[in-house]
Protein backbone atom coordinates (compact mmCIF):
# COMPACT_ATOMS: atom_id res chain seq x y z
CA MET A 1 0.00 0.00 0.00
CA PRO A 2 1.46 3.42 -0.93
CA LEU A 3 2.53 5.69 1.91
CA LEU A 4 1.22 8.68 -0.02
CA GLN A 5 -1.32 8.68 -2.83
CA THR A 6 -3.10 11.43 -4.75
CA THR A 7 -6.12 11.23 -7.02
CA ASP A 8 -6.79 14.01 -9.54
CA ILE A 9 -5.34 16.87 -7.47
CA ARG A 10 -6.22 20.22 -9.01
CA ARG A 11 -5.33 23.75 -7.94
CA SER A 12 -5.89 27.12 -9.58
CA TYR A 13 -5.07 30.67 -8.59
CA GLY A 14 -7.92 32.77 -9.87
CA SER A 15 -8.39 31.83 -13.50
CA LEU A 16 -4.89 30.33 -13.78
CA PRO A 17 -4.81 26.52 -13.46
CA VAL A 18 -1.53 25.43 -11.84
CA LEU A 19 -2.16 21.74 -11.12
CA LYS A 20 -4.39 20.02 -13.67
CA GLY A 21 -4.96 16.55 -12.27
CA ILE A 22 -2.02 15.07 -10.36
CA ASN A 23 -2.05 11.32 -9.75
CA LEU A 24 0.92 9.77 -7.97
CA ALA A 25 1.85 7.13 -5.41
CA ILE A 26 4.90 7.12 -3.12
CA GLU A 27 6.03 3.91 -1.47
CA PRO A 28 7.49 3.69 2.06
CA GLY A 29 11.24 4.31 2.11
CA GLU A 30 11.37 5.96 -1.30
CA VAL A 31 13.39 9.08 -2.05
CA VAL A 32 11.52 10.89 -4.82
CA SER A 33 12.58 14.13 -6.47
CA ILE A 34 10.23 16.56 -8.20
CA VAL A 35 11.73 18.71 -10.92
CA GLY A 36 10.42 21.17 -13.50
CA ALA A 37 10.82 24.67 -14.82
CA SER A 38 10.13 27.69 -12.64
CA GLY A 39 6.40 28.24 -12.45
CA ALA A 40 5.57 24.65 -13.38
CA GLY A 41 3.80 24.05 -10.06
CA LYS A 42 6.46 22.19 -8.05
CA THR A 43 6.13 24.20 -4.86
CA THR A 44 2.34 24.34 -5.13
CA LEU A 45 2.31 20.55 -5.37
CA LEU A 46 4.71 20.14 -2.47
CA HIS A 47 2.63 22.43 -0.26
CA ILE A 48 -0.51 20.43 -1.05
CA LEU A 49 1.22 17.08 -0.50
CA GLY A 50 2.59 18.43 2.79
CA THR A 51 -0.90 19.70 3.82
CA LEU A 52 0.30 23.31 3.99
CA ASP A 53 -2.29 24.14 1.33
CA ARG A 54 -5.50 22.47 0.18
CA PRO A 55 -6.34 21.50 -3.41
CA ASP A 56 -9.44 22.80 -5.12
CA SER A 57 -10.43 19.18 -5.74
CA GLY A 58 -9.03 15.68 -5.52
CA ASP A 59 -7.98 13.36 -2.68
CA LEU A 60 -4.74 13.05 -0.74
CA THR A 61 -4.04 10.02 1.46
CA ILE A 62 -0.97 9.87 3.72
CA ASP A 63 -0.09 6.92 5.93
CA GLY A 64 -3.59 5.49 5.52
CA GLU A 65 -5.39 8.75 6.38
CA ASN A 66 -7.45 10.66 3.81
CA VAL A 67 -6.29 14.08 4.91
CA SER A 68 -8.63 15.80 2.44
CA ARG A 69 -11.42 15.08 4.93
CA LEU A 70 -9.73 16.61 7.99
CA ASN A 71 -10.73 20.01 9.33
CA ASP A 72 -8.06 22.66 9.89
CA ARG A 73 -7.43 21.74 13.53
CA GLN A 74 -7.18 18.02 12.77
CA LEU A 75 -4.93 18.76 9.81
CA ALA A 76 -2.56 20.90 11.90
CA ARG A 77 -2.21 18.08 14.43
CA PHE A 78 -1.68 15.48 11.70
CA ARG A 79 0.95 17.68 10.05
CA ASN A 80 2.92 18.18 13.25
CA GLU A 81 2.85 14.52 14.23
CA ARG A 82 3.22 12.74 10.88
CA ILE A 83 5.01 15.10 8.49
CA GLY A 84 8.46 16.68 8.54
CA PHE A 85 9.65 19.68 6.53
CA VAL A 86 13.03 20.96 5.40
CA PHE A 87 13.03 24.27 3.54
CA GLN A 88 15.68 26.24 1.66
CA PHE A 89 15.77 28.71 4.52
CA ASN A 90 15.94 26.73 7.73
CA ASN A 91 13.53 28.92 9.75
CA LEU A 92 15.30 28.16 13.01
CA LEU A 93 14.18 30.39 15.88
CA PRO A 94 17.18 32.65 16.58
CA GLU A 95 16.66 32.93 20.34
CA PHE A 96 16.66 29.14 20.89
CA SER A 97 19.59 26.74 20.89
CA ALA A 98 19.96 23.97 18.33
CA LEU A 99 18.63 21.47 20.86
CA GLU A 100 15.63 23.66 21.74
CA ASN A 101 14.79 24.22 18.08
CA VAL A 102 14.79 20.48 17.44
CA CYS A 103 12.62 19.81 20.50
CA LEU A 104 9.86 22.30 19.64
CA PRO A 105 7.65 20.07 17.41
CA GLY A 106 7.81 17.33 20.03
CA PHE A 107 6.73 19.71 22.78
CA ILE A 108 3.91 21.06 20.58
CA ALA A 109 2.74 17.47 20.05
CA GLY A 110 2.49 17.06 23.83
CA LYS A 111 5.13 14.34 24.06
CA ASP A 112 7.10 13.61 27.22
CA GLU A 113 9.69 16.37 27.64
CA LYS A 114 12.49 14.04 28.77
CA GLU A 115 11.92 11.65 25.88
CA VAL A 116 11.82 14.52 23.38
CA ARG A 117 15.11 15.91 24.67
CA GLN A 118 16.74 12.48 24.54
CA ARG A 119 15.61 11.92 20.95
CA ALA A 120 16.71 15.42 19.94
CA GLN A 121 20.16 14.82 21.41
CA SER A 122 20.37 11.46 19.65
CA LEU A 123 19.39 12.97 16.30
CA LEU A 124 21.83 15.86 16.61
CA ASP A 125 24.54 13.38 17.58
CA THR A 126 23.73 11.24 14.53
CA LEU A 127 23.94 14.34 12.33
CA GLY A 128 27.36 15.28 13.66
CA LEU A 129 26.23 18.10 15.96
CA ARG A 130 27.00 16.60 19.37
CA ASP A 131 29.19 19.58 20.29
CA ARG A 132 26.73 22.19 19.01
CA LEU A 133 23.63 21.38 21.09
CA ASN A 134 23.63 24.62 23.05
CA HIS A 135 24.70 26.92 20.23
CA LEU A 136 22.31 29.50 18.83
CA PRO A 137 21.61 29.39 15.07
CA SER A 138 23.81 32.47 14.60
CA GLN A 139 26.72 30.45 16.04
CA LEU A 140 26.27 27.61 13.53
CA SER A 141 27.52 27.36 9.97
CA GLY A 142 25.03 27.17 7.12
CA GLY A 143 25.48 23.42 6.87
CA GLU A 144 25.06 22.99 10.62
CA GLN A 145 21.90 25.06 10.57
CA GLN A 146 20.40 22.93 7.83
CA ARG A 147 21.32 19.69 9.63
CA THR A 148 19.62 21.09 12.72
CA ALA A 149 16.55 21.72 10.58
CA VAL A 150 16.70 18.10 9.37
CA ALA A 151 16.82 16.89 12.98
CA ARG A 152 13.80 19.08 13.77
CA ALA A 153 11.94 17.53 10.82
CA LEU A 154 12.63 14.05 12.21
CA ILE A 155 11.87 14.64 15.91
CA ASN A 156 8.30 13.30 15.78
CA GLN A 157 9.30 10.27 13.67
CA PRO A 158 7.22 11.45 10.70
CA ALA A 159 5.80 9.14 8.07
CA ILE A 160 7.30 11.35 5.38
CA VAL A 161 9.65 14.33 5.03
CA PHE A 162 9.12 17.04 2.41
CA ALA A 163 12.11 19.11 1.34
CA ASP A 164 11.74 22.27 -0.76
CA GLU A 165 15.06 23.23 -2.39
CA PRO A 166 16.84 22.05 0.78
CA SER A 167 20.34 22.72 -0.52
CA GLY A 168 19.52 25.92 -2.43
CA ASN A 169 21.10 28.13 0.21
CA LEU A 170 24.25 26.03 0.70
CA ASP A 171 27.64 25.96 -0.99
CA SER A 172 28.49 22.93 -3.11
CA ARG A 173 30.29 21.00 -0.34
CA ASN A 174 27.53 21.45 2.23
CA ALA A 175 24.93 20.68 -0.43
CA GLU A 176 26.65 17.38 -1.23
CA ASP A 177 26.83 16.52 2.49
CA LEU A 178 23.12 17.25 2.89
CA HIS A 179 22.23 15.12 -0.13
CA GLN A 180 24.20 12.18 1.24
CA LEU A 181 22.52 12.68 4.61
CA PHE A 182 19.05 12.13 3.14
CA PHE A 183 20.08 8.77 1.74
CA ARG A 184 21.83 7.76 4.96
CA LEU A 185 18.64 8.54 6.88
CA ARG A 186 16.68 6.44 4.42
CA SER A 187 19.09 3.54 4.98
CA ASP A 188 19.26 3.93 8.77
CA LEU A 189 15.68 4.93 9.57
CA GLY A 190 13.70 3.84 6.51
CA GLN A 191 12.72 7.48 6.09
CA THR A 192 10.67 8.54 3.06
CA PHE A 193 11.58 11.82 1.34
CA ILE A 194 9.91 13.91 -1.36
CA ILE A 195 12.29 16.60 -2.55
CA VAL A 196 11.61 19.56 -4.83
CA THR A 197 14.93 20.61 -6.32
CA HIS A 198 16.67 22.37 -9.18
CA ASN A 199 19.86 20.51 -8.26
CA GLU A 200 20.45 17.96 -11.01
CA ALA A 201 22.87 15.92 -8.89
CA LEU A 202 20.33 15.50 -6.09
CA ALA A 203 17.51 14.73 -8.52
CA GLY A 204 19.68 12.10 -10.19
CA MET A 205 20.39 10.37 -6.86
CA ALA A 206 16.70 9.82 -6.11
CA ASP A 207 14.95 6.49 -6.60
CA ARG A 208 12.54 8.26 -8.96
CA THR A 209 12.40 11.68 -10.54
CA LEU A 210 8.97 13.13 -11.30
CA THR A 211 8.90 15.95 -13.85
CA ILE A 212 6.04 18.42 -13.63
CA ARG A 213 5.20 20.29 -16.81
CA ASP A 214 2.15 22.41 -17.52
CA GLY A 215 0.48 21.28 -14.30
CA LEU A 216 0.85 17.55 -14.92
CA ILE A 217 3.33 14.84 -13.94
CA GLU A 218 5.05 13.47 -17.03
């Protein structure tokens, strides 16, 4: 059974149709890249798949739940507990340490504070940040900030992680390290990733590359 499945997802902005009937299925443990020209609808699709936006019509099922039927409050809870996000700009809260930033989604989900802190420390250790737990984002390098954001995305053990141009703000070395990290997490944790990217190297590493053109998956 697919981990994520869409049926005829459509989305328009005013009179402009952006998504014209998206049908796709993502299996557990897959790393899937989504590519396409600017304006093709990649980010719109990612936001709908990640439940940050709703389609005009169509169904979206994630981890056995038809999220199209959830109200806004239910959807927010589902998103926090079952979905992780990594964006081009890491959106770390500047006044909180790396450890505190990683813990936040777990605290919001109402999980045991001690267990959340232990998992956050373990994730940061796994991502090579053992000595940076108490550093503020401003005290971390760009690569360290993005790895902290990856740990935050993983804190609630999500069914799936969505990444929107995750290496777009990194130099080539840190970008390569981040790309390798995604595949190591897939191997170690069985994590599923859907990645929107312009980076041809990252797209080529994925199990599958989906090209969106004129609002449709080719």
